[in-house]
Amino acid sequence: MKEMMKNTGILLAITIAAGLVLGLVYQITKDPIAVQEAKKKQEACQEVFQDAASFEAVEVEDVEETEWADAGYSQESIDEVMSALDASGNLLGYVITVTTKEGYGGDIQFSIGVRMDGTLNGMSILSISETAGLGMRAEEVLKPQFAGRQAEVFEYTKSGAAADNQIDAISGATITTNAVTNGVNAGLYYFRTRLGGVSGNE
C-alpha cells in the first residue's frame, strides 16, 4: 500500500511538473506565434490588394444554410473578411478568405481581393494539399487567371477560355479547378449579398 502511494505521488509530481513546463513554454511562444500569424495574414492581404495602405477586420455575417445551398455553395465557407483601405482611410474593397471542401486532397483555403466595382484583384492560396504535378499547379495555372477579372460567376472550361468569365482548367485536375472556381464564386456571392459589392456584369 505504501509502495502504491509512493508511486502515485511520484506520478502526480511528474504530471504537475510537466504541466508547469508546458504552461511556461506556451507563455513563451504564444506571442511570437501570434506575431507570425498576424504577419502571414498581412502578407496575404497585401498580395491580393497591393495598393491598400491598411486592412481592418470586418465581422463575418452568417449566411443561412438554405440560402448558401440554394446558391450552390454548400461545400464552401467564408472564414474571414478584411476591409482594404487607402492611406486616407477610404474603402477600396475587401479581402475575403474562403475555404472549400471540394478539393481532391482535402480543404483548400485562399484569400481573394475584390474591389468595390466587382473586379477580382488577385488570389493568395493559403492552404492546399492536392496531387503533386496536377492539383498543386493551382498556384501556377489558376491563380493568375483570376487577377483583374470581372464576373458575377466564373466557370471553367477544358477547351480554352473564350469568355471573360471562363477559366482554363488545370489539365488532369478538374476536381481542383472546380473547387477553386466554386470557392471564388462563393466569395463573390458573399461580396455582392453581404458587403454591398457590385457585380462585374451590372
N, C-alpha and C. Protein backbone atom coordinates (compact mmCIF):
# COMPACT_ATOMS: atom_id res chain seq x y z
N MET A 1 0.83 -1.20 0.00
CA MET A 1 0.00 0.00 0.00
C MET A 1 0.86 1.25 0.00
N LYS A 2 1.90 1.21 0.87
CA LYS A 2 2.82 2.35 0.94
C LYS A 2 3.53 2.56 -0.40
N GLU A 3 3.92 1.42 -1.01
CA GLU A 3 4.63 1.49 -2.30
C GLU A 3 3.72 2.09 -3.37
N MET A 4 2.44 1.71 -3.34
CA MET A 4 1.48 2.22 -4.31
C MET A 4 1.30 3.73 -4.14
N MET A 5 1.19 4.16 -2.88
CA MET A 5 1.02 5.58 -2.60
C MET A 5 2.25 6.37 -3.02
N LYS A 6 3.41 5.75 -2.81
CA LYS A 6 4.67 6.39 -3.20
C LYS A 6 4.72 6.58 -4.72
N ASN A 7 4.37 5.52 -5.47
CA ASN A 7 4.39 5.60 -6.94
C ASN A 7 3.36 6.61 -7.45
N THR A 8 2.20 6.62 -6.78
CA THR A 8 1.15 7.58 -7.17
C THR A 8 1.64 9.00 -6.95
N GLY A 9 2.31 9.22 -5.85
CA GLY A 9 2.86 10.54 -5.55
C GLY A 9 3.90 10.98 -6.57
N ILE A 10 4.75 10.02 -6.97
CA ILE A 10 5.78 10.33 -7.97
C ILE A 10 5.14 10.70 -9.31
N LEU A 11 4.14 9.90 -9.71
CA LEU A 11 3.44 10.17 -10.97
C LEU A 11 2.74 11.53 -10.92
N LEU A 12 2.14 11.84 -9.77
CA LEU A 12 1.45 13.12 -9.61
C LEU A 12 2.45 14.28 -9.73
N ALA A 13 3.60 14.11 -9.11
CA ALA A 13 4.63 15.16 -9.16
C ALA A 13 5.13 15.36 -10.59
N ILE A 14 5.33 14.25 -11.31
CA ILE A 14 5.79 14.33 -12.70
C ILE A 14 4.73 15.04 -13.56
N THR A 15 3.46 14.68 -13.34
CA THR A 15 2.36 15.29 -14.11
C THR A 15 2.29 16.79 -13.86
N ILE A 16 2.39 17.19 -12.60
CA ILE A 16 2.34 18.62 -12.26
C ILE A 16 3.53 19.36 -12.88
N ALA A 17 4.72 18.74 -12.78
CA ALA A 17 5.92 19.37 -13.34
C ALA A 17 5.80 19.52 -14.85
N ALA A 18 5.30 18.47 -15.51
CA ALA A 18 5.14 18.53 -16.97
C ALA A 18 4.13 19.61 -17.35
N GLY A 19 3.04 19.71 -16.58
CA GLY A 19 2.04 20.73 -16.84
C GLY A 19 2.61 22.13 -16.69
N LEU A 20 3.44 22.32 -15.67
CA LEU A 20 4.05 23.62 -15.45
C LEU A 20 5.01 23.98 -16.59
N VAL A 21 5.78 22.98 -17.04
CA VAL A 21 6.72 23.21 -18.14
C VAL A 21 5.96 23.56 -19.43
N LEU A 22 4.89 22.81 -19.72
CA LEU A 22 4.10 23.08 -20.91
C LEU A 22 3.46 24.47 -20.84
N GLY A 23 2.98 24.82 -19.66
CA GLY A 23 2.40 26.15 -19.48
C GLY A 23 3.41 27.25 -19.71
N LEU A 24 4.63 27.02 -19.21
CA LEU A 24 5.70 28.00 -19.39
C LEU A 24 6.08 28.14 -20.86
N VAL A 25 6.18 26.99 -21.55
CA VAL A 25 6.52 27.01 -22.98
C VAL A 25 5.45 27.75 -23.77
N TYR A 26 4.18 27.51 -23.42
CA TYR A 26 3.07 28.18 -24.11
C TYR A 26 3.16 29.69 -23.92
N GLN A 27 3.41 30.11 -22.67
CA GLN A 27 3.51 31.55 -22.39
C GLN A 27 4.65 32.20 -23.17
N ILE A 28 5.76 31.46 -23.31
CA ILE A 28 6.93 32.00 -24.00
C ILE A 28 6.69 32.10 -25.50
N THR A 29 5.98 31.09 -26.05
CA THR A 29 5.84 31.01 -27.52
C THR A 29 4.57 31.65 -28.07
N LYS A 30 3.55 31.91 -27.23
CA LYS A 30 2.27 32.37 -27.78
C LYS A 30 2.38 33.73 -28.46
N ASP A 31 3.17 34.64 -27.89
CA ASP A 31 3.30 35.97 -28.50
C ASP A 31 4.03 35.92 -29.84
N PRO A 32 5.19 35.23 -29.92
CA PRO A 32 5.86 35.11 -31.22
C PRO A 32 4.99 34.43 -32.28
N ILE A 33 4.21 33.41 -31.86
CA ILE A 33 3.33 32.72 -32.80
C ILE A 33 2.25 33.68 -33.29
N ALA A 34 1.68 34.46 -32.38
CA ALA A 34 0.64 35.44 -32.75
C ALA A 34 1.19 36.48 -33.71
N VAL A 35 2.44 36.89 -33.46
CA VAL A 35 3.09 37.88 -34.34
C VAL A 35 3.27 37.30 -35.74
N GLN A 36 3.71 36.05 -35.82
CA GLN A 36 3.93 35.40 -37.11
C GLN A 36 2.61 35.20 -37.86
N GLU A 37 1.56 34.84 -37.13
CA GLU A 37 0.25 34.66 -37.77
C GLU A 37 -0.28 35.98 -38.30
N ALA A 38 -0.09 37.05 -37.52
CA ALA A 38 -0.53 38.38 -37.98
C ALA A 38 0.26 38.82 -39.20
N LYS A 39 1.56 38.51 -39.20
CA LYS A 39 2.41 38.87 -40.33
C LYS A 39 1.99 38.11 -41.59
N LYS A 40 1.70 36.82 -41.43
CA LYS A 40 1.27 35.99 -42.56
C LYS A 40 -0.05 36.52 -43.13
N LYS A 41 -0.96 36.88 -42.23
CA LYS A 41 -2.26 37.41 -42.66
C LYS A 41 -2.08 38.73 -43.41
N GLN A 42 -1.21 39.59 -42.89
CA GLN A 42 -0.95 40.88 -43.53
C GLN A 42 -0.35 40.68 -44.92
N GLU A 43 0.57 39.75 -45.03
CA GLU A 43 1.21 39.47 -46.33
C GLU A 43 0.19 38.94 -47.34
N ALA A 44 -0.72 38.07 -46.88
CA ALA A 44 -1.75 37.54 -47.77
C ALA A 44 -2.67 38.65 -48.25
N CYS A 45 -3.04 39.55 -47.35
CA CYS A 45 -3.90 40.68 -47.72
C CYS A 45 -3.19 41.59 -48.71
N GLN A 46 -1.91 41.85 -48.44
CA GLN A 46 -1.15 42.74 -49.30
C GLN A 46 -0.96 42.14 -50.69
N GLU A 47 -0.86 40.82 -50.75
CA GLU A 47 -0.67 40.15 -52.03
C GLU A 47 -1.87 40.36 -52.95
N VAL A 48 -3.08 40.37 -52.37
CA VAL A 48 -4.29 40.50 -53.19
C VAL A 48 -4.79 41.94 -53.28
N PHE A 49 -4.16 42.83 -52.51
CA PHE A 49 -4.53 44.24 -52.54
C PHE A 49 -3.28 45.09 -52.33
N GLN A 50 -2.42 45.11 -53.34
CA GLN A 50 -1.11 45.74 -53.20
C GLN A 50 -1.18 47.25 -52.97
N ASP A 51 -2.23 47.90 -53.45
CA ASP A 51 -2.31 49.35 -53.31
C ASP A 51 -3.02 49.78 -52.03
N ALA A 52 -3.40 48.83 -51.19
CA ALA A 52 -4.04 49.18 -49.91
C ALA A 52 -2.97 49.57 -48.89
N ALA A 53 -3.30 50.58 -48.07
CA ALA A 53 -2.36 51.04 -47.04
C ALA A 53 -2.57 50.30 -45.72
N SER A 54 -3.79 49.82 -45.49
CA SER A 54 -4.08 49.11 -44.25
C SER A 54 -5.30 48.21 -44.44
N PHE A 55 -5.46 47.31 -43.47
CA PHE A 55 -6.58 46.35 -43.51
C PHE A 55 -7.22 46.28 -42.13
N GLU A 56 -8.54 46.21 -42.12
CA GLU A 56 -9.27 46.11 -40.87
C GLU A 56 -10.26 44.96 -40.93
N ALA A 57 -10.32 44.22 -39.82
CA ALA A 57 -11.23 43.07 -39.77
C ALA A 57 -12.68 43.52 -39.81
N VAL A 58 -13.48 42.77 -40.54
CA VAL A 58 -14.93 43.00 -40.64
C VAL A 58 -15.62 41.76 -40.12
N GLU A 59 -16.66 41.94 -39.32
CA GLU A 59 -17.38 40.79 -38.78
C GLU A 59 -18.01 40.00 -39.91
N VAL A 60 -17.79 38.69 -39.89
CA VAL A 60 -18.37 37.82 -40.91
C VAL A 60 -19.83 37.57 -40.58
N GLU A 61 -20.71 37.93 -41.50
CA GLU A 61 -22.14 37.76 -41.29
C GLU A 61 -22.55 36.35 -41.67
N ASP A 62 -23.35 35.76 -40.81
CA ASP A 62 -23.83 34.39 -41.09
C ASP A 62 -24.73 34.38 -42.32
N VAL A 63 -24.61 33.33 -43.09
CA VAL A 63 -25.50 33.10 -44.22
C VAL A 63 -26.29 31.84 -43.92
N GLU A 64 -27.61 31.92 -44.02
CA GLU A 64 -28.45 30.76 -43.74
C GLU A 64 -28.02 29.59 -44.64
N GLU A 65 -28.00 28.40 -44.06
CA GLU A 65 -27.58 27.21 -44.80
C GLU A 65 -28.42 27.01 -46.06
N THR A 66 -29.72 27.29 -45.94
CA THR A 66 -30.60 27.09 -47.10
C THR A 66 -30.23 28.07 -48.22
N GLU A 67 -29.93 29.31 -47.85
CA GLU A 67 -29.54 30.30 -48.87
C GLU A 67 -28.22 29.89 -49.51
N TRP A 68 -27.28 29.49 -48.69
CA TRP A 68 -25.95 29.09 -49.17
C TRP A 68 -26.06 27.90 -50.11
N ALA A 69 -26.90 26.92 -49.71
CA ALA A 69 -27.08 25.73 -50.53
C ALA A 69 -27.80 26.07 -51.84
N ASP A 70 -28.83 26.92 -51.73
CA ASP A 70 -29.58 27.31 -52.94
C ASP A 70 -28.69 28.04 -53.93
N ALA A 71 -27.71 28.77 -53.40
CA ALA A 71 -26.77 29.50 -54.26
C ALA A 71 -25.72 28.56 -54.85
N GLY A 72 -25.66 27.31 -54.32
CA GLY A 72 -24.74 26.31 -54.86
C GLY A 72 -23.41 26.22 -54.13
N TYR A 73 -23.37 26.71 -52.87
CA TYR A 73 -22.09 26.76 -52.16
C TYR A 73 -22.12 26.01 -50.83
N SER A 74 -22.74 24.85 -50.81
CA SER A 74 -22.87 24.08 -49.57
C SER A 74 -21.53 23.55 -49.05
N GLN A 75 -20.52 23.49 -49.93
CA GLN A 75 -19.20 22.98 -49.53
C GLN A 75 -18.19 24.10 -49.28
N GLU A 76 -18.65 25.34 -49.30
CA GLU A 76 -17.76 26.48 -49.11
C GLU A 76 -18.12 27.24 -47.84
N SER A 77 -17.16 27.94 -47.27
CA SER A 77 -17.41 28.77 -46.10
C SER A 77 -16.57 30.03 -46.16
N ILE A 78 -17.08 31.11 -45.59
CA ILE A 78 -16.35 32.37 -45.50
C ILE A 78 -15.70 32.42 -44.13
N ASP A 79 -14.38 32.43 -44.10
CA ASP A 79 -13.65 32.34 -42.84
C ASP A 79 -13.34 33.71 -42.23
N GLU A 80 -13.05 34.66 -43.09
CA GLU A 80 -12.62 35.97 -42.59
C GLU A 80 -12.81 37.03 -43.67
N VAL A 81 -13.10 38.25 -43.24
CA VAL A 81 -13.24 39.37 -44.16
C VAL A 81 -12.45 40.55 -43.61
N MET A 82 -11.66 41.16 -44.46
CA MET A 82 -10.89 42.35 -44.09
C MET A 82 -11.21 43.46 -45.09
N SER A 83 -11.43 44.66 -44.59
CA SER A 83 -11.62 45.80 -45.49
C SER A 83 -10.25 46.32 -45.90
N ALA A 84 -10.10 46.66 -47.17
CA ALA A 84 -8.84 47.20 -47.70
C ALA A 84 -9.01 48.71 -47.82
N LEU A 85 -8.14 49.46 -47.15
CA LEU A 85 -8.26 50.91 -47.09
C LEU A 85 -7.05 51.59 -47.71
N ASP A 86 -7.28 52.76 -48.31
CA ASP A 86 -6.14 53.52 -48.83
C ASP A 86 -5.55 54.37 -47.71
N ALA A 87 -4.55 55.19 -48.01
CA ALA A 87 -3.84 55.96 -46.99
C ALA A 87 -4.75 56.95 -46.28
N SER A 88 -5.85 57.34 -46.93
CA SER A 88 -6.79 58.29 -46.33
C SER A 88 -7.94 57.59 -45.59
N GLY A 89 -7.89 56.26 -45.57
CA GLY A 89 -8.93 55.51 -44.89
C GLY A 89 -10.15 55.22 -45.74
N ASN A 90 -10.05 55.50 -47.03
CA ASN A 90 -11.18 55.22 -47.94
C ASN A 90 -11.21 53.73 -48.29
N LEU A 91 -12.41 53.21 -48.41
CA LEU A 91 -12.59 51.78 -48.70
C LEU A 91 -12.31 51.49 -50.17
N LEU A 92 -11.35 50.59 -50.41
CA LEU A 92 -11.03 50.17 -51.77
C LEU A 92 -11.76 48.89 -52.16
N GLY A 93 -12.03 48.07 -51.16
CA GLY A 93 -12.67 46.79 -51.41
C GLY A 93 -12.46 45.89 -50.21
N TYR A 94 -12.49 44.59 -50.44
CA TYR A 94 -12.39 43.63 -49.34
C TYR A 94 -11.46 42.47 -49.68
N VAL A 95 -10.86 41.93 -48.64
CA VAL A 95 -10.12 40.67 -48.75
C VAL A 95 -10.99 39.62 -48.07
N ILE A 96 -11.38 38.62 -48.84
CA ILE A 96 -12.30 37.58 -48.35
C ILE A 96 -11.57 36.24 -48.34
N THR A 97 -11.53 35.60 -47.18
CA THR A 97 -10.88 34.30 -47.06
C THR A 97 -11.94 33.20 -47.11
N VAL A 98 -11.73 32.27 -48.02
CA VAL A 98 -12.71 31.22 -48.30
C VAL A 98 -12.07 29.85 -48.10
N THR A 99 -12.84 28.91 -47.59
CA THR A 99 -12.42 27.51 -47.56
C THR A 99 -13.42 26.69 -48.35
N THR A 100 -12.92 25.88 -49.27
CA THR A 100 -13.78 24.96 -50.00
C THR A 100 -13.39 23.53 -49.63
N LYS A 101 -14.40 22.70 -49.42
CA LYS A 101 -14.17 21.30 -49.04
C LYS A 101 -14.19 20.38 -50.25
N GLU A 102 -14.18 20.95 -51.44
CA GLU A 102 -14.33 20.15 -52.65
C GLU A 102 -13.00 19.72 -53.27
N GLY A 103 -11.89 20.04 -52.62
CA GLY A 103 -10.59 19.66 -53.16
C GLY A 103 -10.41 18.15 -53.21
N TYR A 104 -9.60 17.70 -54.13
CA TYR A 104 -9.32 16.26 -54.27
C TYR A 104 -8.58 15.73 -53.05
N GLY A 105 -7.66 16.55 -52.51
CA GLY A 105 -6.84 16.11 -51.37
C GLY A 105 -7.28 16.69 -50.05
N GLY A 106 -8.45 17.35 -50.00
CA GLY A 106 -8.92 17.94 -48.76
C GLY A 106 -9.30 19.40 -48.96
N ASP A 107 -9.42 20.11 -47.86
CA ASP A 107 -9.83 21.51 -47.91
C ASP A 107 -8.78 22.37 -48.62
N ILE A 108 -9.27 23.37 -49.34
CA ILE A 108 -8.40 24.37 -49.96
C ILE A 108 -8.84 25.72 -49.41
N GLN A 109 -7.90 26.47 -48.88
CA GLN A 109 -8.21 27.79 -48.33
C GLN A 109 -7.43 28.85 -49.09
N PHE A 110 -8.10 29.93 -49.43
CA PHE A 110 -7.42 31.02 -50.13
C PHE A 110 -8.12 32.34 -49.84
N SER A 111 -7.42 33.43 -50.10
CA SER A 111 -7.99 34.77 -49.97
C SER A 111 -8.11 35.39 -51.35
N ILE A 112 -9.18 36.15 -51.55
CA ILE A 112 -9.34 36.91 -52.79
C ILE A 112 -9.53 38.38 -52.43
N GLY A 113 -8.98 39.24 -53.25
CA GLY A 113 -9.18 40.67 -53.09
C GLY A 113 -10.20 41.12 -54.12
N VAL A 114 -11.24 41.81 -53.66
CA VAL A 114 -12.30 42.25 -54.57
C VAL A 114 -12.51 43.76 -54.42
N ARG A 115 -12.39 44.47 -55.53
CA ARG A 115 -12.64 45.91 -55.50
C ARG A 115 -14.14 46.17 -55.48
N MET A 116 -14.52 47.39 -55.10
CA MET A 116 -15.93 47.70 -54.94
C MET A 116 -16.72 47.62 -56.25
N ASP A 117 -16.02 47.70 -57.39
CA ASP A 117 -16.72 47.57 -58.67
C ASP A 117 -16.84 46.12 -59.12
N GLY A 118 -16.40 45.18 -58.26
CA GLY A 118 -16.51 43.77 -58.58
C GLY A 118 -15.29 43.16 -59.24
N THR A 119 -14.24 43.96 -59.45
CA THR A 119 -13.01 43.42 -60.06
C THR A 119 -12.30 42.52 -59.06
N LEU A 120 -11.98 41.33 -59.51
CA LEU A 120 -11.22 40.39 -58.68
C LEU A 120 -9.75 40.79 -58.78
N ASN A 121 -9.26 41.33 -57.71
CA ASN A 121 -7.92 41.94 -57.69
C ASN A 121 -6.80 40.90 -57.74
N GLY A 122 -7.02 39.79 -57.07
CA GLY A 122 -5.99 38.75 -57.01
C GLY A 122 -6.38 37.66 -56.04
N MET A 123 -5.53 36.64 -55.97
CA MET A 123 -5.78 35.48 -55.11
C MET A 123 -4.50 35.08 -54.40
N SER A 124 -4.63 34.67 -53.15
CA SER A 124 -3.50 34.15 -52.39
C SER A 124 -3.92 32.80 -51.80
N ILE A 125 -3.28 31.73 -52.25
CA ILE A 125 -3.62 30.39 -51.76
C ILE A 125 -2.91 30.17 -50.42
N LEU A 126 -3.70 29.90 -49.38
CA LEU A 126 -3.17 29.78 -48.02
C LEU A 126 -2.90 28.34 -47.62
N SER A 127 -3.76 27.43 -48.09
CA SER A 127 -3.61 26.02 -47.70
C SER A 127 -4.16 25.13 -48.80
N ILE A 128 -3.33 24.19 -49.26
CA ILE A 128 -3.75 23.28 -50.33
C ILE A 128 -2.94 21.99 -50.23
N SER A 129 -3.61 20.85 -50.46
CA SER A 129 -2.95 19.54 -50.35
C SER A 129 -3.35 18.66 -51.52
N GLU A 130 -3.30 19.21 -52.71
CA GLU A 130 -3.71 18.45 -53.89
C GLU A 130 -2.56 17.60 -54.43
N THR A 131 -2.83 16.85 -55.46
CA THR A 131 -1.84 15.94 -56.04
C THR A 131 -0.70 16.72 -56.70
N ALA A 132 0.52 16.33 -56.35
CA ALA A 132 1.70 17.00 -56.93
C ALA A 132 1.68 16.86 -58.45
N GLY A 133 1.98 17.96 -59.13
CA GLY A 133 2.03 17.94 -60.58
C GLY A 133 0.68 18.07 -61.25
N LEU A 134 -0.40 17.99 -60.46
CA LEU A 134 -1.75 18.13 -61.01
C LEU A 134 -2.46 19.27 -60.26
N GLY A 135 -3.22 18.93 -59.21
CA GLY A 135 -3.95 19.94 -58.47
C GLY A 135 -3.06 20.99 -57.82
N MET A 136 -1.83 20.57 -57.47
CA MET A 136 -0.92 21.53 -56.83
C MET A 136 -0.47 22.62 -57.79
N ARG A 137 -0.83 22.50 -59.06
CA ARG A 137 -0.50 23.53 -60.04
C ARG A 137 -1.50 24.69 -60.00
N ALA A 138 -2.41 24.65 -59.04
CA ALA A 138 -3.40 25.73 -58.91
C ALA A 138 -2.72 27.08 -58.77
N GLU A 139 -1.64 27.11 -58.02
CA GLU A 139 -0.90 28.36 -57.82
C GLU A 139 -0.37 28.89 -59.16
N GLU A 140 0.10 27.98 -59.97
CA GLU A 140 0.72 28.35 -61.25
C GLU A 140 -0.32 28.61 -62.35
N VAL A 141 -1.36 27.78 -62.39
CA VAL A 141 -2.32 27.83 -63.51
C VAL A 141 -3.56 28.67 -63.21
N LEU A 142 -4.18 28.44 -62.07
CA LEU A 142 -5.46 29.10 -61.78
C LEU A 142 -5.30 30.52 -61.23
N LYS A 143 -4.42 30.66 -60.28
CA LYS A 143 -4.26 31.94 -59.60
C LYS A 143 -4.10 33.13 -60.55
N PRO A 144 -3.21 33.07 -61.55
CA PRO A 144 -3.03 34.23 -62.44
C PRO A 144 -4.27 34.54 -63.29
N GLN A 145 -5.09 33.52 -63.55
CA GLN A 145 -6.23 33.72 -64.44
C GLN A 145 -7.34 34.57 -63.81
N PHE A 146 -7.43 34.59 -62.50
CA PHE A 146 -8.49 35.34 -61.84
C PHE A 146 -8.15 36.82 -61.67
N ALA A 147 -6.87 37.15 -61.69
CA ALA A 147 -6.44 38.53 -61.42
C ALA A 147 -6.95 39.50 -62.48
N GLY A 148 -7.56 40.60 -62.01
CA GLY A 148 -8.02 41.65 -62.90
C GLY A 148 -9.28 41.31 -63.68
N ARG A 149 -10.00 40.28 -63.26
CA ARG A 149 -11.20 39.84 -63.99
C ARG A 149 -12.47 40.30 -63.28
N GLN A 150 -13.51 40.51 -64.05
CA GLN A 150 -14.83 40.86 -63.54
C GLN A 150 -15.85 39.86 -64.04
N ALA A 151 -16.57 39.26 -63.11
CA ALA A 151 -17.65 38.33 -63.49
C ALA A 151 -18.50 38.07 -62.26
N GLU A 152 -19.78 37.90 -62.48
CA GLU A 152 -20.66 37.56 -61.35
C GLU A 152 -20.41 36.12 -60.94
N VAL A 153 -20.26 35.24 -61.94
CA VAL A 153 -19.98 33.83 -61.69
C VAL A 153 -18.95 33.36 -62.69
N PHE A 154 -17.88 32.75 -62.19
CA PHE A 154 -16.85 32.18 -63.07
C PHE A 154 -17.19 30.73 -63.37
N GLU A 155 -16.73 30.27 -64.52
CA GLU A 155 -16.85 28.86 -64.89
C GLU A 155 -15.54 28.43 -65.51
N TYR A 156 -15.30 27.12 -65.48
CA TYR A 156 -14.06 26.63 -66.08
C TYR A 156 -14.36 25.85 -67.35
N THR A 157 -13.38 25.81 -68.20
CA THR A 157 -13.53 25.10 -69.46
C THR A 157 -12.26 24.30 -69.75
N LYS A 158 -12.43 23.20 -70.48
CA LYS A 158 -11.29 22.38 -70.87
C LYS A 158 -10.86 22.65 -72.31
N SER A 159 -11.62 23.51 -72.98
CA SER A 159 -11.35 23.73 -74.41
C SER A 159 -10.79 25.13 -74.71
N GLY A 160 -10.36 25.84 -73.69
CA GLY A 160 -9.79 27.16 -73.90
C GLY A 160 -10.80 28.26 -73.60
N ALA A 161 -10.45 29.13 -72.68
CA ALA A 161 -11.36 30.20 -72.26
C ALA A 161 -11.67 31.13 -73.43
N ALA A 162 -12.97 31.34 -73.66
CA ALA A 162 -13.40 32.19 -74.77
C ALA A 162 -14.24 33.37 -74.31
N ALA A 163 -14.57 33.40 -73.02
CA ALA A 163 -15.38 34.49 -72.46
C ALA A 163 -14.69 35.04 -71.21
N ASP A 164 -15.09 36.25 -70.82
CA ASP A 164 -14.47 36.91 -69.67
C ASP A 164 -14.64 36.14 -68.37
N ASN A 165 -15.70 35.36 -68.27
CA ASN A 165 -15.96 34.63 -67.02
C ASN A 165 -15.44 33.19 -67.06
N GLN A 166 -14.68 32.86 -68.09
CA GLN A 166 -14.18 31.48 -68.22
C GLN A 166 -12.72 31.37 -67.79
N ILE A 167 -12.44 30.25 -67.14
CA ILE A 167 -11.10 29.94 -66.65
C ILE A 167 -10.65 28.62 -67.27
N ASP A 168 -9.42 28.58 -67.75
CA ASP A 168 -8.88 27.32 -68.28
C ASP A 168 -8.60 26.35 -67.13
N ALA A 169 -9.15 25.15 -67.23
CA ALA A 169 -8.95 24.14 -66.19
C ALA A 169 -7.51 23.64 -66.19
N ILE A 170 -7.06 23.19 -65.03
CA ILE A 170 -5.76 22.53 -64.93
C ILE A 170 -5.88 21.19 -65.61
N SER A 171 -4.99 20.88 -66.54
CA SER A 171 -5.04 19.61 -67.24
C SER A 171 -4.90 18.45 -66.25
N GLY A 172 -5.88 17.56 -66.24
CA GLY A 172 -5.84 16.39 -65.37
C GLY A 172 -6.26 16.65 -63.94
N ALA A 173 -6.74 17.86 -63.67
CA ALA A 173 -7.13 18.21 -62.29
C ALA A 173 -8.43 19.00 -62.28
N THR A 174 -9.46 18.40 -62.87
CA THR A 174 -10.77 19.07 -62.95
C THR A 174 -11.36 19.29 -61.56
N ILE A 175 -11.16 18.34 -60.65
CA ILE A 175 -11.73 18.47 -59.30
C ILE A 175 -11.16 19.69 -58.59
N THR A 176 -9.86 19.86 -58.67
CA THR A 176 -9.22 21.02 -58.05
C THR A 176 -9.70 22.31 -58.69
N THR A 177 -9.78 22.32 -60.01
CA THR A 177 -10.25 23.50 -60.73
C THR A 177 -11.66 23.86 -60.31
N ASN A 178 -12.52 22.85 -60.23
CA ASN A 178 -13.90 23.06 -59.82
C ASN A 178 -13.98 23.62 -58.41
N ALA A 179 -13.16 23.07 -57.51
CA ALA A 179 -13.16 23.51 -56.11
C ALA A 179 -12.76 24.97 -55.99
N VAL A 180 -11.68 25.35 -56.65
CA VAL A 180 -11.21 26.72 -56.58
C VAL A 180 -12.21 27.68 -57.22
N THR A 181 -12.75 27.30 -58.36
CA THR A 181 -13.73 28.15 -59.05
C THR A 181 -14.97 28.36 -58.19
N ASN A 182 -15.47 27.29 -57.58
CA ASN A 182 -16.63 27.41 -56.71
C ASN A 182 -16.32 28.27 -55.49
N GLY A 183 -15.10 28.13 -54.96
CA GLY A 183 -14.70 28.94 -53.82
C GLY A 183 -14.66 30.41 -54.16
N VAL A 184 -14.12 30.74 -55.33
CA VAL A 184 -14.09 32.13 -55.78
C VAL A 184 -15.52 32.66 -55.95
N ASN A 185 -16.37 31.86 -56.56
CA ASN A 185 -17.76 32.28 -56.76
C ASN A 185 -18.48 32.49 -55.43
N ALA A 186 -18.18 31.65 -54.44
CA ALA A 186 -18.77 31.81 -53.11
C ALA A 186 -18.34 33.13 -52.49
N GLY A 187 -17.05 33.45 -52.64
CA GLY A 187 -16.54 34.72 -52.12
C GLY A 187 -17.20 35.91 -52.80
N LEU A 188 -17.39 35.82 -54.10
CA LEU A 188 -18.04 36.90 -54.85
C LEU A 188 -19.52 37.01 -54.48
N TYR A 189 -20.16 35.89 -54.24
CA TYR A 189 -21.56 35.91 -53.81
C TYR A 189 -21.69 36.64 -52.47
N TYR A 190 -20.80 36.30 -51.55
CA TYR A 190 -20.81 36.96 -50.24
C TYR A 190 -20.54 38.46 -50.39
N PHE A 191 -19.62 38.80 -51.27
CA PHE A 191 -19.28 40.20 -51.54
C PHE A 191 -20.51 40.97 -52.02
N ARG A 192 -21.26 40.38 -52.94
CA ARG A 192 -22.43 41.06 -53.50
C ARG A 192 -23.59 41.14 -52.50
N THR A 193 -23.81 40.07 -51.75
CA THR A 193 -25.00 40.00 -50.91
C THR A 193 -24.81 40.50 -49.49
N ARG A 194 -23.56 40.57 -49.02
CA ARG A 194 -23.33 40.97 -47.63
C ARG A 194 -22.44 42.20 -47.48
N LEU A 195 -21.70 42.56 -48.53
CA LEU A 195 -20.75 43.66 -48.41
C LEU A 195 -21.09 44.85 -49.31
N GLY A 196 -22.23 44.75 -49.97
CA GLY A 196 -22.66 45.87 -50.81
C GLY A 196 -21.86 46.02 -52.09
N GLY A 197 -21.24 44.92 -52.51
CA GLY A 197 -20.43 44.97 -53.71
C GLY A 197 -21.27 44.99 -54.97
N VAL A 198 -20.63 45.35 -56.06
CA VAL A 198 -21.28 45.44 -57.36
C VAL A 198 -20.76 44.34 -58.25
N SER A 199 -21.66 43.64 -58.91
CA SER A 199 -21.27 42.59 -59.85
C SER A 199 -20.54 43.19 -61.03
N GLY A 200 -19.57 42.47 -61.56
CA GLY A 200 -18.84 42.91 -62.74
C GLY A 200 -19.72 43.02 -63.97
N ASN A 201 -20.89 42.40 -63.94
CA ASN A 201 -21.78 42.42 -65.10
C ASN A 201 -22.93 43.43 -64.94
N GLU A 202 -22.93 44.18 -63.83
CA GLU A 202 -24.02 45.13 -63.60
C GLU A 202 -23.64 46.52 -64.03
